[in-house]
Amino acid sequence: MSLTRRDCLGWLGASAGAGLLGCQPAPSEVTGGFTGPDPARGHRWRDAALAQPAEQRRADVLVLGGGVAGLAAARALTMAGIEDFALLELEPEAGGNARAGRLGGLACPLGAHYLPVPSDDAPELQGWLEQIGLRQRVAGRWTYDERHLCHSPQERLYWNGTWHDGLLPLDGVAASTLEQYRRLSRLIDEARRSQRYAMPAVRVPVTDTVRALWAQSFAQWLDGHGLNDPQLRWYLDYACRDDYGAGASAVSAWAGIHYFASRHGFPSPGDEGEAEPLLTWPEGNAWLVQRLAMGLGDRLHTGQGVLRVRPGRQGVAVDSVSPDDGRITRWQARAAVVALPVFIARRVIDPLPPVVSARAAGLRMAPWAVVNLLLDDAPKDRGGAHPGWDNVTYGTAGLGYVDASHQSLQRVAGPRVWTWYLPLGDEPGARQALLDRPWTHWRDRALAELSLPHPDLPARVREVAVTRYGHAMAIPAPGSLYEGPWHDDRLVFAHADWAGYSVFEEAFTRGHLAGQHIARRLRG
């Protein structure tokens, strides 16, 4: 018999241990477990009781949260000559959703894994990439270090039983499908001519057009333009889940259009050209955040969950707690950069500023699961396009797998790590499922999907590491546009949640601007 996608997907929810042809369970000798952020650690912080501090400390500025935005804010403070600051981070290391791990001695991402080459709308990010040597001017032109640009082939799609270049289904689709591709391309071009779409969105002027697009879902906008082709809608749903953690029915029309209009547009079939240049590393964006954290020294305080933030006339008082031993430290500062997710900021700031309540209104968070698989060798390929960095299977819930060894300059047989991504923003009860289900459940979901193009994959697996993010990123849902201020008295807010969606460019820019704002205020 032949194995269908329905067979494999049925295996997901039924018996995780039952084998199907091409979907055999992982070998019994496979080791594995959860890694990365520990939900229990966050819940110990959440449930910690207020108590008298065991010690008191002072700094000119506090940076609350050690993700990309917090690290960028710390860098901006340093650039402005402010050295007396402390950065408080709950986890044992900084990096937010851009941390890394190792399997079998090989580096692999635990979350975000690439950065598109930034446009001139992100000069702060461009300047930092130049500072660390990724970007330089050669013969009058800006170039990027080719060692860190994603090697070719970049993307491929498993579609109709074989691999195809790129992620948009093209070979064998109907003429009506191609016509809808071209129509969407024209609509995106029209949108770019009539309205500025910038990355980061902090540079986008909010007009009546922007408000109208935020008020409806991307799926509604597509329906209104008669764009209902199954292959097109699958691809657009994939794009939304990839960047926003949920599909086209859950994100705003503005977000769906912005995905294309702020970067490369939507090329018509036959006009695709080269893939969008992007930067990536075996460990993903951990390569970037590790360099942002360099030089912080003892100003970086990990294992410190922010318990309460109290702004006052003379400054800000912050109580932080160690989830490991419950020890509370009270910090006094003149001002603070709040680079915490909004749902956490809303919990800890007392009294709660109206700007935080306004931003929190309608903001939904997408949970994610990331599964790293250590293989003893590459599985057999189905033929067609050569193995790429990003390898996606048409019609599945996951986003496919990234090969951490793709950036290697040496193509040799042997162990490698594949990273499989599963956004769960469209699945009811997903956050609770992340807490309740064993690591083997997520392993088996990954193996079921990846066995479609690689039937021998389970026999190649030697170790599995599952990373869970209960509140991974904000979903730019209809009605969640925020137009208010991003600071309040002694507090300046810097998390990407304030944009309503989460990408590196947004977090870095908002962190940088927050650090600059604090520096100007302290001097002035």
Protein backbone atom coordinates (compact mmCIF):
# COMPACT_ATOMS: atom_id res chain seq x y z
CA MET A 1 0.00 0.00 0.00
CA SER A 2 1.11 3.63 -0.39
CA LEU A 3 1.39 5.91 2.63
CA THR A 4 -0.74 9.04 2.46
CA ARG A 5 -0.56 12.24 4.45
CA ARG A 6 -3.88 11.28 6.06
CA ASP A 7 -2.29 8.04 7.31
CA CYS A 8 0.58 9.89 8.96
CA LEU A 9 -1.58 12.59 10.46
CA GLY A 10 -3.92 9.95 11.84
CA TRP A 11 -0.91 8.39 13.52
CA LEU A 12 -0.23 11.71 15.28
CA GLY A 13 -3.35 11.81 17.40
CA ALA A 14 -3.84 8.07 17.79
CA SER A 15 -1.17 5.67 18.97
CA ALA A 16 2.12 7.53 19.11
CA GLY A 17 3.88 4.20 19.47
CA ALA A 18 2.16 2.37 16.62
CA GLY A 19 4.19 2.01 13.43
CA LEU A 20 2.92 2.64 9.92
CA LEU A 21 4.72 2.03 6.70
CA GLY A 22 7.15 4.94 6.36
CA CYS A 23 6.15 6.28 9.78
CA GLN A 24 7.80 3.75 12.07
CA PRO A 25 8.36 4.99 15.64
CA ALA A 26 11.75 6.15 16.82
CA PRO A 27 14.19 3.39 17.84
CA SER A 28 14.00 2.37 21.48
CA GLU A 29 17.58 3.49 22.08
CA VAL A 30 16.79 7.12 21.25
CA THR A 31 17.36 9.43 24.19
CA GLY A 32 15.63 12.75 24.59
CA GLY A 33 13.72 15.22 26.70
CA PHE A 34 12.80 18.86 27.14
CA THR A 35 15.39 21.62 26.90
CA GLY A 36 15.43 25.41 26.79
CA PRO A 37 13.13 27.59 28.93
CA ASP A 38 11.57 25.62 31.76
CA PRO A 39 7.86 26.46 32.24
CA ALA A 40 8.13 25.46 35.91
CA ARG A 41 10.77 28.16 36.38
CA GLY A 42 8.48 30.81 34.98
CA HIS A 43 5.59 29.57 37.08
CA ARG A 44 7.70 29.73 40.24
CA TRP A 45 8.35 33.37 39.38
CA ARG A 46 4.65 33.93 38.69
CA ASP A 47 3.61 32.42 42.00
CA ALA A 48 6.34 34.01 44.13
CA ALA A 49 4.98 36.01 47.06
CA LEU A 50 6.05 39.55 47.78
CA ALA A 51 8.35 39.68 50.80
CA GLN A 52 11.03 41.82 52.36
CA PRO A 53 14.14 42.01 50.16
CA ALA A 54 17.26 40.18 51.26
CA GLU A 55 19.45 42.90 49.75
CA GLN A 56 19.21 46.30 48.10
CA ARG A 57 21.12 47.54 45.06
CA ARG A 58 21.29 50.69 42.95
CA ALA A 59 21.93 51.59 39.32
CA ASP A 60 21.25 54.60 37.13
CA VAL A 61 19.12 52.51 34.74
CA LEU A 62 17.50 49.09 34.90
CA VAL A 63 16.84 47.04 31.77
CA LEU A 64 14.11 44.50 32.49
CA GLY A 65 14.27 41.50 30.18
CA GLY A 66 17.23 40.00 28.34
CA GLY A 67 15.74 39.22 24.93
CA VAL A 68 16.78 41.01 21.74
CA ALA A 69 15.08 44.28 22.75
CA GLY A 70 16.66 44.36 26.21
CA LEU A 71 20.12 43.56 24.86
CA ALA A 72 19.77 46.24 22.17
CA ALA A 73 18.70 48.77 24.82
CA ALA A 74 21.78 47.91 26.91
CA ARG A 75 24.00 48.45 23.89
CA ALA A 76 22.35 51.82 23.18
CA LEU A 77 22.93 52.91 26.78
CA THR A 78 26.59 51.99 26.51
CA MET A 79 26.90 53.89 23.22
CA ALA A 80 25.41 56.94 24.95
CA GLY A 81 28.03 56.75 27.70
CA ILE A 82 25.77 55.32 30.39
CA GLU A 83 27.67 52.50 32.06
CA ASP A 84 25.84 52.28 35.39
CA PHE A 85 22.97 49.98 34.47
CA ALA A 86 21.81 46.46 35.28
CA LEU A 87 19.97 44.04 33.00
CA LEU A 88 17.67 41.56 34.78
CA GLU A 89 16.77 38.28 33.03
CA LEU A 90 14.68 35.41 34.42
CA GLU A 91 16.40 32.59 32.53
CA PRO A 92 19.95 31.32 33.16
CA GLU A 93 21.12 33.07 29.97
CA ALA A 94 20.02 36.04 27.88
CA GLY A 95 18.58 35.72 24.39
CA GLY A 96 14.82 35.29 24.68
CA ASN A 97 13.54 33.16 21.80
CA ALA A 98 16.93 33.23 20.07
CA ARG A 99 18.93 30.84 22.21
CA ALA A 100 20.82 27.73 21.11
CA GLY A 101 21.65 24.23 22.26
CA ARG A 102 23.88 21.33 21.30
CA LEU A 103 23.13 17.74 20.33
CA GLY A 104 25.95 15.28 19.86
CA GLY A 105 28.37 18.19 20.11
CA LEU A 106 26.65 20.01 17.21
CA ALA A 107 25.15 23.48 17.61
CA CYS A 108 21.46 23.94 16.80
CA PRO A 109 18.82 26.65 17.27
CA LEU A 110 16.21 26.44 20.02
CA GLY A 111 14.13 29.18 18.40
CA ALA A 112 14.68 31.98 15.88
CA HIS A 113 17.17 30.90 13.25
CA TYR A 114 17.67 33.60 10.63
CA LEU A 115 17.78 37.34 9.93
CA PRO A 116 16.85 38.76 6.51
CA VAL A 117 19.43 41.27 5.31
CA PRO A 118 17.95 44.50 6.72
CA SER A 119 16.85 47.35 4.48
CA ASP A 120 17.62 51.04 4.93
CA ASP A 121 14.48 51.24 7.11
CA ALA A 122 16.59 49.64 9.87
CA PRO A 123 19.71 51.85 10.05
CA GLU A 124 20.31 51.03 13.72
CA LEU A 125 20.50 47.33 12.92
CA GLN A 126 22.61 47.94 9.84
CA GLY A 127 25.05 49.95 11.96
CA TRP A 128 25.41 47.16 14.50
CA LEU A 129 25.95 44.54 11.78
CA GLU A 130 28.70 46.77 10.43
CA GLN A 131 30.20 47.09 13.91
CA ILE A 132 30.48 43.30 14.34
CA GLY A 133 31.90 42.81 10.86
CA LEU A 134 28.94 41.26 9.02
CA ARG A 135 28.40 44.32 6.84
CA GLN A 136 31.07 46.37 5.12
CA ARG A 137 31.50 48.71 2.18
CA VAL A 138 33.51 47.24 -0.70
CA ALA A 139 34.19 49.27 -3.85
CA GLY A 140 31.45 51.71 -2.85
CA ARG A 141 28.79 49.05 -2.24
CA TRP A 142 27.52 47.50 0.97
CA THR A 143 28.20 43.77 1.12
CA TYR A 144 27.66 41.05 3.70
CA ASP A 145 30.12 38.39 4.80
CA GLU A 146 29.34 35.46 2.51
CA ARG A 147 30.26 32.96 5.20
CA HIS A 148 27.14 34.02 7.10
CA LEU A 149 24.73 34.45 4.18
CA CYS A 150 22.50 31.42 3.73
CA HIS A 151 24.18 29.06 1.32
CA SER A 152 22.40 27.85 -1.80
CA PRO A 153 20.05 26.07 -2.21
CA GLN A 154 18.03 28.02 0.31
CA GLU A 155 14.48 26.65 0.22
CA ARG A 156 12.63 23.71 -1.25
CA LEU A 157 9.10 22.27 -1.09
CA TYR A 158 7.99 18.64 -0.97
CA TRP A 159 5.00 18.69 -3.28
CA ASN A 160 3.34 15.95 -5.36
CA GLY A 161 5.83 13.30 -4.30
CA THR A 162 9.08 15.11 -5.06
CA TRP A 163 11.15 18.13 -4.03
CA HIS A 164 10.82 21.47 -5.86
CA ASP A 165 12.89 24.67 -5.65
CA GLY A 166 11.29 27.46 -3.62
CA LEU A 167 8.23 27.26 -1.37
CA LEU A 168 5.46 28.39 -3.74
CA PRO A 169 3.77 25.41 -5.46
CA LEU A 170 4.41 25.88 -9.18
CA ASP A 171 5.00 22.63 -11.07
CA GLY A 172 1.77 20.99 -12.13
CA VAL A 173 -0.61 23.66 -10.81
CA ALA A 174 -3.58 24.80 -12.86
CA ALA A 175 -3.59 27.87 -15.08
CA SER A 176 -6.17 29.40 -12.73
CA THR A 177 -3.69 29.01 -9.86
CA LEU A 178 -0.98 30.85 -11.78
CA GLU A 179 -3.46 33.61 -12.59
CA GLN A 180 -4.21 34.10 -8.88
CA TYR A 181 -0.48 34.20 -8.13
CA ARG A 182 -0.12 37.02 -10.66
CA ARG A 183 -3.15 38.87 -9.31
CA LEU A 184 -1.78 38.82 -5.76
CA SER A 185 1.57 40.05 -7.09
CA ARG A 186 -0.18 43.06 -8.65
CA LEU A 187 -2.13 43.75 -5.45
CA ILE A 188 1.04 43.70 -3.36
CA ASP A 189 2.75 46.06 -5.82
CA GLU A 190 -0.23 48.42 -5.64
CA ALA A 191 -0.10 48.32 -1.83
CA ARG A 192 3.60 49.21 -1.85
CA ARG A 193 2.98 52.19 -4.13
CA SER A 194 0.07 53.56 -2.10
CA GLN A 195 1.31 52.94 1.46
CA ARG A 196 4.72 52.68 3.06
CA TYR A 197 5.52 49.20 4.37
CA ALA A 198 8.71 49.22 6.40
CA MET A 199 10.61 46.69 8.45
CA PRO A 200 10.61 47.56 11.35
CA ALA A 201 6.99 48.71 11.52
CA VAL A 202 7.95 51.47 13.96
CA ARG A 203 8.77 53.38 10.74
CA VAL A 204 5.30 52.85 9.22
CA PRO A 205 2.97 55.87 9.37
CA VAL A 206 -0.47 54.87 10.68
CA THR A 207 -3.03 55.98 8.11
CA ASP A 208 -6.70 55.20 7.57
CA THR A 209 -5.58 52.50 5.13
CA VAL A 210 -3.44 50.88 7.82
CA ARG A 211 -6.30 51.03 10.34
CA ALA A 212 -8.73 49.44 7.88
CA LEU A 213 -6.33 46.59 7.13
CA TRP A 214 -5.72 45.97 10.85
CA ALA A 215 -9.49 45.74 11.39
CA GLN A 216 -9.96 42.63 9.20
CA SER A 217 -8.20 39.30 8.88
CA PHE A 218 -5.87 38.45 6.03
CA ALA A 219 -8.22 35.62 5.07
CA GLN A 220 -11.12 38.10 4.78
CA TRP A 221 -9.01 40.41 2.62
CA LEU A 222 -8.06 37.52 0.34
CA ASP A 223 -11.69 36.39 0.08
CA GLY A 224 -12.70 39.93 -0.83
CA HIS A 225 -10.27 39.86 -3.76
CA GLY A 226 -11.36 36.43 -4.92
CA LEU A 227 -8.03 34.84 -4.01
CA ASN A 228 -9.25 31.40 -2.97
CA ASP A 229 -6.94 28.99 -4.79
CA PRO A 230 -5.94 26.09 -2.44
CA GLN A 231 -2.24 26.19 -3.36
CA LEU A 232 -2.04 29.97 -2.94
CA ARG A 233 -3.93 29.90 0.33
CA TRP A 234 -1.71 27.14 1.70
CA TYR A 235 1.40 29.17 0.89
CA LEU A 236 0.00 32.38 2.43
CA ASP A 237 -1.10 30.47 5.52
CA TYR A 238 2.40 29.02 5.78
CA ALA A 239 3.93 32.52 5.52
CA CYS A 240 1.71 33.84 8.32
CA ARG A 241 2.42 30.89 10.60
CA ASP A 242 6.14 31.24 9.90
CA ASP A 243 6.40 34.92 10.88
CA TYR A 244 3.41 35.36 13.20
CA GLY A 245 2.71 31.96 14.77
CA ALA A 246 -0.85 31.66 13.42
CA GLY A 247 -2.58 31.37 10.06
CA ALA A 248 -4.25 33.82 7.70
CA SER A 249 -7.58 33.65 9.53
CA ALA A 250 -5.93 34.72 12.80
CA VAL A 251 -3.68 37.59 11.62
CA SER A 252 -4.68 40.99 10.29
CA ALA A 253 -4.75 41.85 6.61
CA TRP A 254 -2.08 44.46 7.30
CA ALA A 255 0.24 41.78 8.71
CA GLY A 256 -0.37 39.46 5.76
CA ILE A 257 0.42 42.19 3.23
CA HIS A 258 3.32 43.51 5.31
CA TYR A 259 5.02 40.09 5.20
CA PHE A 260 5.63 40.62 1.47
CA ALA A 261 5.40 44.38 0.96
CA SER A 262 8.01 45.27 3.60
CA ARG A 263 10.66 43.05 2.01
CA HIS A 264 10.64 41.30 -1.34
CA GLY A 265 7.11 41.70 -2.65
CA PHE A 266 5.24 38.74 -4.12
CA PRO A 267 6.99 37.83 -7.39
CA SER A 268 4.88 36.56 -10.26
CA PRO A 269 5.61 33.04 -11.52
CA GLY A 270 8.63 33.22 -13.79
CA ASP A 271 9.89 36.41 -12.15
CA GLU A 272 11.06 34.89 -8.86
CA GLY A 273 14.75 35.72 -9.34
CA GLU A 274 17.16 34.90 -6.53
CA ALA A 275 15.93 34.08 -3.04
CA GLU A 276 15.85 36.89 -0.51
CA PRO A 277 19.32 37.12 1.07
CA LEU A 278 19.36 36.18 4.71
CA LEU A 279 21.89 35.56 7.46
CA THR A 280 21.92 32.30 9.36
CA TRP A 281 24.15 30.13 11.53
CA PRO A 282 24.11 26.53 12.80
CA GLU A 283 23.00 27.88 16.21
CA GLY A 284 20.49 30.28 14.63
CA ASN A 285 20.07 33.79 15.99
CA ALA A 286 21.89 32.81 19.17
CA TRP A 287 24.99 33.83 17.19
CA LEU A 288 23.60 37.38 17.17
CA VAL A 289 22.37 37.62 20.77
CA GLN A 290 25.63 36.21 22.10
CA ARG A 291 27.43 39.13 20.46
CA LEU A 292 24.88 41.60 21.79
CA ALA A 293 25.51 40.26 25.30
CA MET A 294 29.30 40.46 24.99
CA GLY A 295 30.80 43.15 27.15
CA LEU A 296 27.92 43.35 29.63
CA GLY A 297 29.96 41.55 32.27
CA ASP A 298 28.49 41.75 35.76
CA ARG A 299 25.80 44.16 34.56
CA LEU A 300 23.93 41.12 33.22
CA HIS A 301 22.02 39.46 36.07
CA THR A 302 20.48 36.15 35.00
CA GLY A 303 18.18 34.12 37.21
CA GLN A 304 16.37 37.31 38.26
CA GLY A 305 12.64 37.38 37.58
CA VAL A 306 11.02 40.80 37.81
CA LEU A 307 8.43 40.57 40.58
CA ARG A 308 7.26 44.17 40.95
CA VAL A 309 8.00 47.53 39.29
CA ARG A 310 7.02 50.71 41.15
CA PRO A 311 7.69 53.99 39.37
CA GLY A 312 7.75 57.11 41.54
CA ARG A 313 8.78 60.74 41.53
CA GLN A 314 12.38 60.01 42.41
CA GLY A 315 12.86 56.98 40.20
CA VAL A 316 11.89 53.32 39.94
CA ALA A 317 11.95 50.55 42.53
CA VAL A 318 12.12 47.00 41.19
CA ASP A 319 11.90 43.79 43.19
CA SER A 320 13.46 40.77 41.51
CA VAL A 321 13.35 37.18 42.70
CA SER A 322 15.50 34.15 42.07
CA PRO A 323 13.09 31.34 41.12
CA ASP A 324 15.68 28.85 42.39
CA ASP A 325 15.90 29.97 46.03
CA GLY A 326 13.22 32.68 46.37
CA ARG A 327 15.75 35.35 47.36
CA ILE A 328 14.43 38.86 46.65
CA THR A 329 16.57 41.84 45.67
CA ARG A 330 15.27 45.42 45.64
CA TRP A 331 16.76 47.64 42.97
CA GLN A 332 16.58 51.44 42.92
CA ALA A 333 17.14 53.31 39.65
CA ARG A 334 16.43 56.65 38.03
CA ALA A 335 14.58 55.03 35.11
CA ALA A 336 13.93 51.63 33.53
CA VAL A 337 13.63 50.09 30.08
CA VAL A 338 10.78 47.57 30.28
CA ALA A 339 11.75 44.97 27.66
CA LEU A 340 9.36 42.38 29.09
CA PRO A 341 6.50 40.77 27.15
CA VAL A 342 3.38 42.86 27.65
CA PHE A 343 1.51 40.10 29.48
CA ILE A 344 4.32 40.07 32.07
CA ALA A 345 4.63 43.86 32.25
CA ARG A 346 0.90 44.07 32.95
CA ARG A 347 1.35 41.70 35.88
CA VAL A 348 4.32 43.37 37.60
CA ILE A 349 3.99 47.17 37.18
CA ASP A 350 2.22 48.84 40.10
CA PRO A 351 0.34 51.04 39.54
CA LEU A 352 -0.38 49.84 36.03
CA PRO A 353 0.12 52.63 33.45
CA PRO A 354 -2.80 53.15 31.06
CA VAL A 355 -0.43 52.70 28.09
CA VAL A 356 0.26 49.09 29.15
CA SER A 357 -3.44 48.34 29.52
CA ALA A 358 -4.06 49.82 26.08
CA ARG A 359 -1.30 47.77 24.46
CA ALA A 360 -2.43 44.57 26.20
CA ALA A 361 -5.96 44.93 24.83
CA GLY A 362 -6.55 42.29 22.19
CA LEU A 363 -2.98 41.01 22.25
CA ARG A 364 -2.78 37.22 21.77
CA MET A 365 0.35 35.12 22.24
CA ALA A 366 1.27 32.15 20.06
CA PRO A 367 2.75 29.02 21.65
CA TRP A 368 5.43 27.07 19.72
CA ALA A 369 7.22 23.73 19.89
CA VAL A 370 10.72 23.32 18.43
CA VAL A 371 12.12 19.80 18.00
CA ASN A 372 15.81 19.19 17.35
CA LEU A 373 16.71 15.76 15.96
CA LEU A 374 20.25 14.39 16.07
CA LEU A 375 20.70 12.05 13.08
CA ASP A 376 23.54 9.61 12.56
CA ASP A 377 23.47 10.46 8.85
CA ALA A 378 21.26 12.11 6.25
CA PRO A 379 18.11 10.12 5.38
CA LYS A 380 17.41 9.19 1.79
CA ASP A 381 15.97 11.93 -0.39
CA ARG A 382 12.93 11.61 -2.65
CA GLY A 383 14.63 13.25 -5.61
CA GLY A 384 14.06 16.55 -7.33
CA ALA A 385 15.55 19.71 -5.87
CA HIS A 386 18.73 19.28 -3.85
CA PRO A 387 18.60 19.45 -0.02
CA GLY A 388 18.20 23.04 1.16
CA TRP A 389 18.63 24.98 4.34
CA ASP A 390 14.83 25.20 4.76
CA ASN A 391 12.86 22.10 3.73
CA VAL A 392 9.06 22.30 3.82
CA THR A 393 6.37 19.67 3.23
CA TYR A 394 3.17 20.88 1.58
CA GLY A 395 -0.02 20.59 3.63
CA THR A 396 1.40 19.76 7.06
CA ALA A 397 0.95 21.56 10.38
CA GLY A 398 4.68 22.07 10.93
CA LEU A 399 6.90 24.49 9.04
CA GLY A 400 9.36 21.84 7.89
CA TYR A 401 12.95 21.44 9.02
CA VAL A 402 16.13 23.48 8.94
CA ASP A 403 19.44 21.68 8.49
CA ALA A 404 21.93 23.10 11.01
CA SER A 405 24.83 21.70 8.98
CA HIS A 406 23.78 23.49 5.79
CA GLN A 407 26.18 26.37 6.46
CA SER A 408 29.13 24.00 6.68
CA LEU A 409 31.69 24.48 3.92
CA GLN A 410 32.44 20.76 4.02
CA ARG A 411 29.87 18.34 2.64
CA VAL A 412 30.59 15.07 4.39
CA ALA A 413 28.48 12.16 5.51
CA GLY A 414 27.82 11.72 9.19
CA PRO A 415 25.89 13.20 12.12
CA ARG A 416 23.76 16.30 11.66
CA VAL A 417 20.94 18.14 13.42
CA TRP A 418 17.57 18.92 11.89
CA THR A 419 15.29 21.47 13.58
CA TRP A 420 11.52 21.14 13.11
CA TYR A 421 9.22 24.05 13.92
CA LEU A 422 5.56 23.80 14.95
CA PRO A 423 3.55 27.01 15.51
CA LEU A 424 0.53 26.28 17.68
CA GLY A 425 -1.36 29.57 17.55
CA ASP A 426 -4.26 27.97 15.64
CA GLU A 427 -4.63 24.88 17.85
CA PRO A 428 -7.15 25.10 20.74
CA GLY A 429 -5.64 24.23 24.10
CA ALA A 430 -2.12 24.27 22.69
CA ARG A 431 -0.52 26.08 25.64
CA GLN A 432 -1.88 23.54 28.10
CA ALA A 433 -0.83 20.71 25.79
CA LEU A 434 2.75 22.01 25.89
CA LEU A 435 2.66 21.68 29.68
CA ASP A 436 0.87 18.38 29.91
CA ARG A 437 2.17 16.20 27.09
CA PRO A 438 5.48 14.33 27.32
CA TRP A 439 8.42 15.13 25.10
CA THR A 440 7.73 11.97 23.14
CA HIS A 441 4.46 13.43 21.87
CA TRP A 442 6.29 16.26 20.13
CA ARG A 443 9.00 13.91 18.91
CA ASP A 444 6.34 11.72 17.32
CA ARG A 445 4.59 14.65 15.66
CA ALA A 446 7.89 15.70 14.12
CA LEU A 447 8.72 12.18 12.94
CA ALA A 448 5.28 11.64 11.44
CA GLU A 449 5.55 14.77 9.29
CA LEU A 450 9.19 14.37 8.33
CA SER A 451 8.68 10.72 7.41
CA LEU A 452 6.49 11.80 4.49
CA PRO A 453 9.48 12.96 2.41
CA HIS A 454 11.99 10.80 4.35
CA PRO A 455 10.49 7.37 5.21
CA ASP A 456 13.76 6.12 6.71
CA LEU A 457 14.16 9.12 9.04
CA PRO A 458 13.11 7.41 12.31
CA ALA A 459 15.89 4.86 11.92
CA ARG A 460 18.43 7.67 11.64
CA VAL A 461 17.42 9.49 14.84
CA ARG A 462 19.72 9.13 17.86
CA GLU A 463 18.69 11.96 20.20
CA VAL A 464 15.81 14.41 20.46
CA ALA A 465 15.53 17.76 22.29
CA VAL A 466 12.13 19.48 22.55
CA THR A 467 11.84 23.20 23.34
CA ARG A 468 8.51 24.66 24.45
CA TYR A 469 7.42 28.29 24.29
CA GLY A 470 4.05 28.86 25.92
CA HIS A 471 4.05 32.57 25.05
CA ALA A 472 6.49 32.67 22.15
CA MET A 473 5.32 35.72 20.24
CA ALA A 474 2.50 38.19 19.75
CA ILE A 475 0.00 37.43 17.00
CA PRO A 476 -0.87 40.55 14.94
CA ALA A 477 -4.58 39.75 15.22
CA PRO A 478 -7.35 41.91 13.75
CA GLY A 479 -8.14 44.79 16.07
CA SER A 480 -4.78 44.73 17.88
CA LEU A 481 -3.23 47.81 16.27
CA TYR A 482 -1.66 50.06 18.91
CA GLU A 483 -1.21 53.78 18.20
CA GLY A 484 -0.39 55.12 21.65
CA PRO A 485 2.89 56.16 23.30
CA TRP A 486 5.61 53.68 24.25
CA HIS A 487 6.83 55.36 27.41
CA ASP A 488 5.31 56.49 30.69
CA ASP A 489 7.10 58.78 33.13
CA ARG A 490 10.12 56.78 34.37
CA LEU A 491 9.43 53.74 32.18
CA VAL A 492 10.21 53.19 28.50
CA PHE A 493 8.78 50.10 26.78
CA ALA A 494 10.86 48.20 24.27
CA HIS A 495 9.54 44.68 23.63
CA ALA A 496 8.46 43.67 20.11
CA ASP A 497 4.96 43.11 21.55
CA TRP A 498 4.47 46.85 21.16
CA ALA A 499 4.53 46.32 17.40
CA GLY A 500 1.99 43.52 17.73
CA TYR A 501 4.29 40.94 16.16
CA SER A 502 7.74 39.55 16.83
CA VAL A 503 10.75 39.70 14.50
CA PHE A 504 14.41 40.48 15.20
CA GLU A 505 14.41 43.83 13.34
CA GLU A 506 11.45 45.10 15.36
CA ALA A 507 12.83 44.04 18.74
CA PHE A 508 16.32 45.39 18.05
CA THR A 509 15.09 48.77 16.79
CA ARG A 510 12.63 49.32 19.63
CA GLY A 511 15.28 48.36 22.18
CA HIS A 512 17.80 50.72 20.61
CA LEU A 513 15.32 53.62 20.53
CA ALA A 514 14.32 52.97 24.15
CA GLY A 515 17.95 53.09 25.27
CA GLN A 516 18.48 56.35 23.40
CA HIS A 517 15.32 57.83 24.93
CA ILE A 518 16.46 56.99 28.47
CA ALA A 519 19.93 58.44 27.80
CA ARG A 520 18.49 61.73 26.56
CA ARG A 521 16.17 61.95 29.55
CA LEU A 522 18.91 61.36 32.09
CA ARG A 523 21.07 64.02 30.52
CA GLY A 524 18.39 66.52 30.20
